[in-house]
Amino acid sequence: VAIAAVAFFSYSYLLSVVYNFDRAGAPLLITAVVVGACVGFLPHNFYPARIFMGDSGSMVLGLLLGVAAITLTGQIDSNAISAQQLAPTLLPILLPFGVLAIPLIDLILAIIRRTKAGRSPFAPDKEHLHHRIIMLGHSQRSATFLLYLWTFSFAMPLAASAFIPWRFTLLVSLFFIALSLSFTKYPFLYRKLKVGVLKNI
């Protein structure tokens, strides 16, 4: 949520300050509040967590981000949108999907995996993405950082695509995805390399 709020805050800030879109002030303020709340809560919620956010907290954060997106897009004149302005206009709607890409991928893979095995899609297992990351050799803490990095890799290039050329955005996105993949596979590759070196001795 904090990554989503930071990305949306950056988008609202650029609209308000750089592009003089006066009505972006309310979404800018809302996302600033969400970022502040998440940053203040994160030290207590980071592994090993001392406090857990319940449904009431997470739903409020989701509500605030939804309100910010609706407030911003609802004030844009649809008749004044050209083909070049379409991407920035749709960004508040597309950005949540970028932020939720990892949970959505995890959900889709879980449904496919359980359905293929003849089990209920709601049956629990230990094959979620974070379980797989830990099985590769990562600790709980590094797995958390990796999920942050993967989310950043999807969200930030999407937010930047409204203001920089899409070719450059694609390069940035590919760089962060390659970086995330390298960090994810590092323990496995290190063990494989170590075994290969020991065999050659």
Protein backbone atom coordinates (compact mmCIF):
# COMPACT_ATOMS: atom_id res chain seq x y z
CA VAL A 1 0.00 0.00 0.00
CA ALA A 2 2.85 2.38 0.83
CA ILE A 3 4.42 1.77 -2.60
CA ALA A 4 1.06 2.44 -4.24
CA ALA A 5 0.64 5.62 -2.23
CA VAL A 6 4.16 6.83 -3.08
CA ALA A 7 3.60 6.17 -6.78
CA PHE A 8 0.21 7.88 -6.73
CA PHE A 9 1.63 10.77 -4.68
CA SER A 10 4.39 11.26 -7.27
CA TYR A 11 1.82 11.25 -10.06
CA SER A 12 -0.43 13.76 -8.25
CA TYR A 13 2.55 15.95 -7.36
CA LEU A 14 3.70 16.13 -10.98
CA LEU A 15 0.19 16.98 -12.14
CA SER A 16 -0.21 19.66 -9.48
CA VAL A 17 3.23 21.30 -9.48
CA VAL A 18 4.78 20.58 -12.87
CA TYR A 19 1.66 20.58 -15.05
CA ASN A 20 -0.32 23.16 -13.00
CA PHE A 21 -3.35 20.91 -12.59
CA ASP A 22 -4.88 22.72 -9.60
CA ARG A 23 -7.49 20.09 -8.80
CA ALA A 24 -4.86 17.43 -8.04
CA GLY A 25 -4.36 18.99 -4.59
CA ALA A 26 -6.88 16.78 -2.77
CA PRO A 27 -5.49 13.46 -4.09
CA LEU A 28 -2.00 14.79 -3.33
CA LEU A 29 -2.95 15.44 0.30
CA ILE A 30 -4.78 12.10 0.69
CA THR A 31 -1.84 10.07 -0.63
CA ALA A 32 0.61 12.06 1.51
CA VAL A 33 -1.45 11.09 4.58
CA VAL A 34 -1.48 7.42 3.48
CA VAL A 35 2.30 7.43 2.94
CA GLY A 36 2.84 8.97 6.39
CA ALA A 37 0.56 6.42 8.05
CA CYS A 38 2.27 3.48 6.31
CA VAL A 39 5.80 4.71 7.02
CA GLY A 40 4.92 5.23 10.70
CA PHE A 41 3.35 1.78 10.96
CA LEU A 42 6.00 -0.16 8.99
CA PRO A 43 8.70 -0.34 11.73
CA HIS A 44 6.18 -2.05 14.03
CA ASN A 45 4.87 -4.37 11.30
CA PHE A 46 8.18 -5.41 9.73
CA TYR A 47 9.46 -8.93 10.46
CA PRO A 48 9.40 -9.92 13.28
CA ALA A 49 6.16 -7.97 13.53
CA ARG A 50 4.91 -6.65 16.87
CA ILE A 51 1.65 -5.23 15.51
CA PHE A 52 -0.54 -6.54 12.69
CA MET A 53 -2.94 -4.42 10.69
CA GLY A 54 -6.44 -5.85 10.71
CA ASP A 55 -9.23 -5.50 8.18
CA SER A 56 -10.23 -2.10 9.54
CA GLY A 57 -6.79 -0.61 8.86
CA SER A 58 -6.23 -2.17 5.44
CA MET A 59 -9.74 -1.29 4.28
CA VAL A 60 -9.27 2.35 5.31
CA LEU A 61 -6.02 2.53 3.33
CA GLY A 62 -7.69 0.96 0.30
CA LEU A 63 -10.63 3.34 0.65
CA LEU A 64 -8.33 6.39 0.77
CA LEU A 65 -6.41 5.29 -2.33
CA GLY A 66 -9.68 4.58 -4.13
CA VAL A 67 -11.04 8.00 -3.17
CA ALA A 68 -7.84 9.66 -4.40
CA ALA A 69 -8.04 7.87 -7.76
CA ILE A 70 -11.74 8.64 -8.25
CA THR A 71 -11.30 12.26 -7.16
CA LEU A 72 -8.48 12.80 -9.64
CA THR A 73 -9.96 11.02 -12.66
CA GLY A 74 -13.45 12.39 -12.03
CA GLN A 75 -12.23 15.96 -12.49
CA ILE A 76 -10.70 15.37 -15.92
CA ASP A 77 -12.76 16.52 -18.89
CA SER A 78 -13.16 13.43 -21.07
CA ASN A 79 -13.86 15.56 -24.15
CA ALA A 80 -10.47 17.26 -23.82
CA ILE A 81 -8.46 14.03 -23.80
CA SER A 82 -6.31 13.42 -26.86
CA ALA A 83 -4.51 10.21 -27.84
CA GLN A 84 -1.28 11.52 -26.30
CA GLN A 85 -3.01 12.26 -22.99
CA LEU A 86 -4.79 8.92 -22.70
CA ALA A 87 -2.07 7.13 -20.70
CA PRO A 88 -1.78 9.82 -17.97
CA THR A 89 -5.56 9.92 -17.70
CA LEU A 90 -5.91 6.16 -17.23
CA LEU A 91 -2.95 5.92 -14.85
CA PRO A 92 -4.94 6.33 -11.59
CA ILE A 93 -7.06 3.38 -12.70
CA LEU A 94 -4.17 1.22 -13.97
CA LEU A 95 -1.78 1.95 -11.10
CA PRO A 96 -3.60 -0.24 -8.52
CA PHE A 97 -3.28 -3.19 -10.91
CA GLY A 98 0.46 -2.55 -11.13
CA VAL A 99 0.75 -2.45 -7.35
CA LEU A 100 -1.39 -5.57 -6.96
CA ALA A 101 0.38 -7.46 -9.76
CA ILE A 102 2.24 -9.80 -7.38
CA PRO A 103 -0.83 -10.71 -5.23
CA LEU A 104 -2.94 -11.14 -8.39
CA ILE A 105 -0.32 -13.40 -10.00
CA ASP A 106 -0.11 -15.39 -6.75
CA LEU A 107 -3.92 -15.72 -6.67
CA ILE A 108 -4.16 -16.87 -10.31
CA LEU A 109 -1.33 -19.39 -9.88
CA ALA A 110 -2.92 -20.75 -6.69
CA ILE A 111 -6.29 -21.27 -8.40
CA ILE A 112 -4.68 -23.01 -11.39
CA ARG A 113 -2.42 -25.15 -9.18
CA ARG A 114 -5.19 -26.33 -6.87
CA THR A 115 -7.70 -26.89 -9.67
CA LYS A 116 -5.19 -29.02 -11.61
CA ALA A 117 -4.58 -31.09 -8.47
CA GLY A 118 -8.33 -31.68 -8.11
CA ARG A 119 -8.57 -29.62 -4.92
CA SER A 120 -10.74 -26.68 -3.99
CA PRO A 121 -9.31 -23.28 -5.05
CA PHE A 122 -9.75 -22.25 -1.40
CA ALA A 123 -7.75 -25.19 0.00
CA PRO A 124 -4.63 -23.96 1.85
CA ASP A 125 -1.13 -24.94 0.81
CA LYS A 126 2.47 -23.81 1.20
CA GLU A 127 3.19 -23.07 -2.45
CA HIS A 128 2.47 -19.35 -2.49
CA LEU A 129 5.11 -17.01 -3.90
CA HIS A 130 6.51 -16.09 -0.48
CA HIS A 131 6.76 -19.79 0.44
CA ARG A 132 8.65 -20.47 -2.79
CA ILE A 133 11.01 -17.55 -2.16
CA ILE A 134 11.81 -18.90 1.32
CA MET A 135 12.34 -22.42 -0.12
CA LEU A 136 14.95 -20.93 -2.48
CA GLY A 137 16.99 -20.10 0.62
CA HIS A 138 15.87 -16.61 1.60
CA SER A 139 15.06 -15.58 5.15
CA GLN A 140 11.70 -14.11 6.15
CA ARG A 141 13.22 -10.64 6.13
CA SER A 142 14.85 -10.93 2.70
CA ALA A 143 11.66 -12.47 1.28
CA THR A 144 9.77 -9.40 2.49
CA PHE A 145 12.30 -7.09 0.83
CA LEU A 146 12.02 -9.10 -2.39
CA LEU A 147 8.24 -8.73 -2.46
CA TYR A 148 8.70 -4.98 -1.97
CA LEU A 149 11.20 -4.92 -4.84
CA TRP A 150 8.93 -6.89 -7.17
CA THR A 151 6.01 -4.58 -6.38
CA PHE A 152 8.23 -1.54 -6.99
CA SER A 153 9.34 -3.06 -10.32
CA PHE A 154 5.75 -3.11 -11.54
CA ALA A 155 4.37 0.05 -9.94
CA MET A 156 7.04 2.71 -10.44
CA PRO A 157 7.62 2.21 -14.19
CA LEU A 158 3.86 2.32 -14.67
CA ALA A 159 3.66 5.63 -12.82
CA ALA A 160 6.64 7.00 -14.75
CA SER A 161 5.11 6.02 -18.10
CA ALA A 162 2.78 9.02 -17.92
CA PHE A 163 5.67 11.48 -18.02
CA ILE A 164 8.60 9.85 -19.84
CA PRO A 165 8.81 8.08 -23.23
CA TRP A 166 7.50 4.52 -23.20
CA ARG A 167 10.77 3.11 -24.58
CA PHE A 168 12.71 4.47 -21.62
CA THR A 169 9.99 3.25 -19.26
CA LEU A 170 10.25 -0.23 -20.78
CA LEU A 171 14.02 -0.26 -20.27
CA VAL A 172 13.63 0.84 -16.63
CA SER A 173 10.97 -1.80 -16.06
CA LEU A 174 13.11 -4.55 -17.61
CA PHE A 175 16.08 -3.45 -15.51
CA PHE A 176 14.14 -3.66 -12.24
CA ILE A 177 12.55 -6.99 -13.21
CA ALA A 178 16.00 -8.41 -14.05
CA LEU A 179 17.34 -7.05 -10.75
CA SER A 180 14.44 -8.59 -8.82
CA LEU A 181 14.89 -11.92 -10.59
CA SER A 182 18.63 -11.92 -9.87
CA PHE A 183 18.10 -11.27 -6.15
CA THR A 184 15.34 -13.89 -6.03
CA LYS A 185 17.48 -16.60 -7.63
CA TYR A 186 20.72 -15.63 -5.85
CA PRO A 187 20.66 -18.28 -3.02
CA PHE A 188 19.82 -21.07 -5.49
CA LEU A 189 22.53 -19.99 -7.96
CA TYR A 190 25.06 -19.56 -5.13
CA ARG A 191 24.43 -23.10 -3.84
CA LYS A 192 24.63 -24.52 -7.35
CA LEU A 193 27.91 -22.69 -8.00
CA LYS A 194 29.30 -23.81 -4.64
CA VAL A 195 28.45 -27.46 -5.35
CA GLY A 196 30.09 -27.17 -8.78
CA VAL A 197 33.27 -25.73 -7.28
CA LEU A 198 33.43 -28.47 -4.62
CA LYS A 199 33.04 -31.17 -7.29
CA ASN A 200 35.97 -29.74 -9.23
CA ILE A 201 38.26 -29.78 -6.18
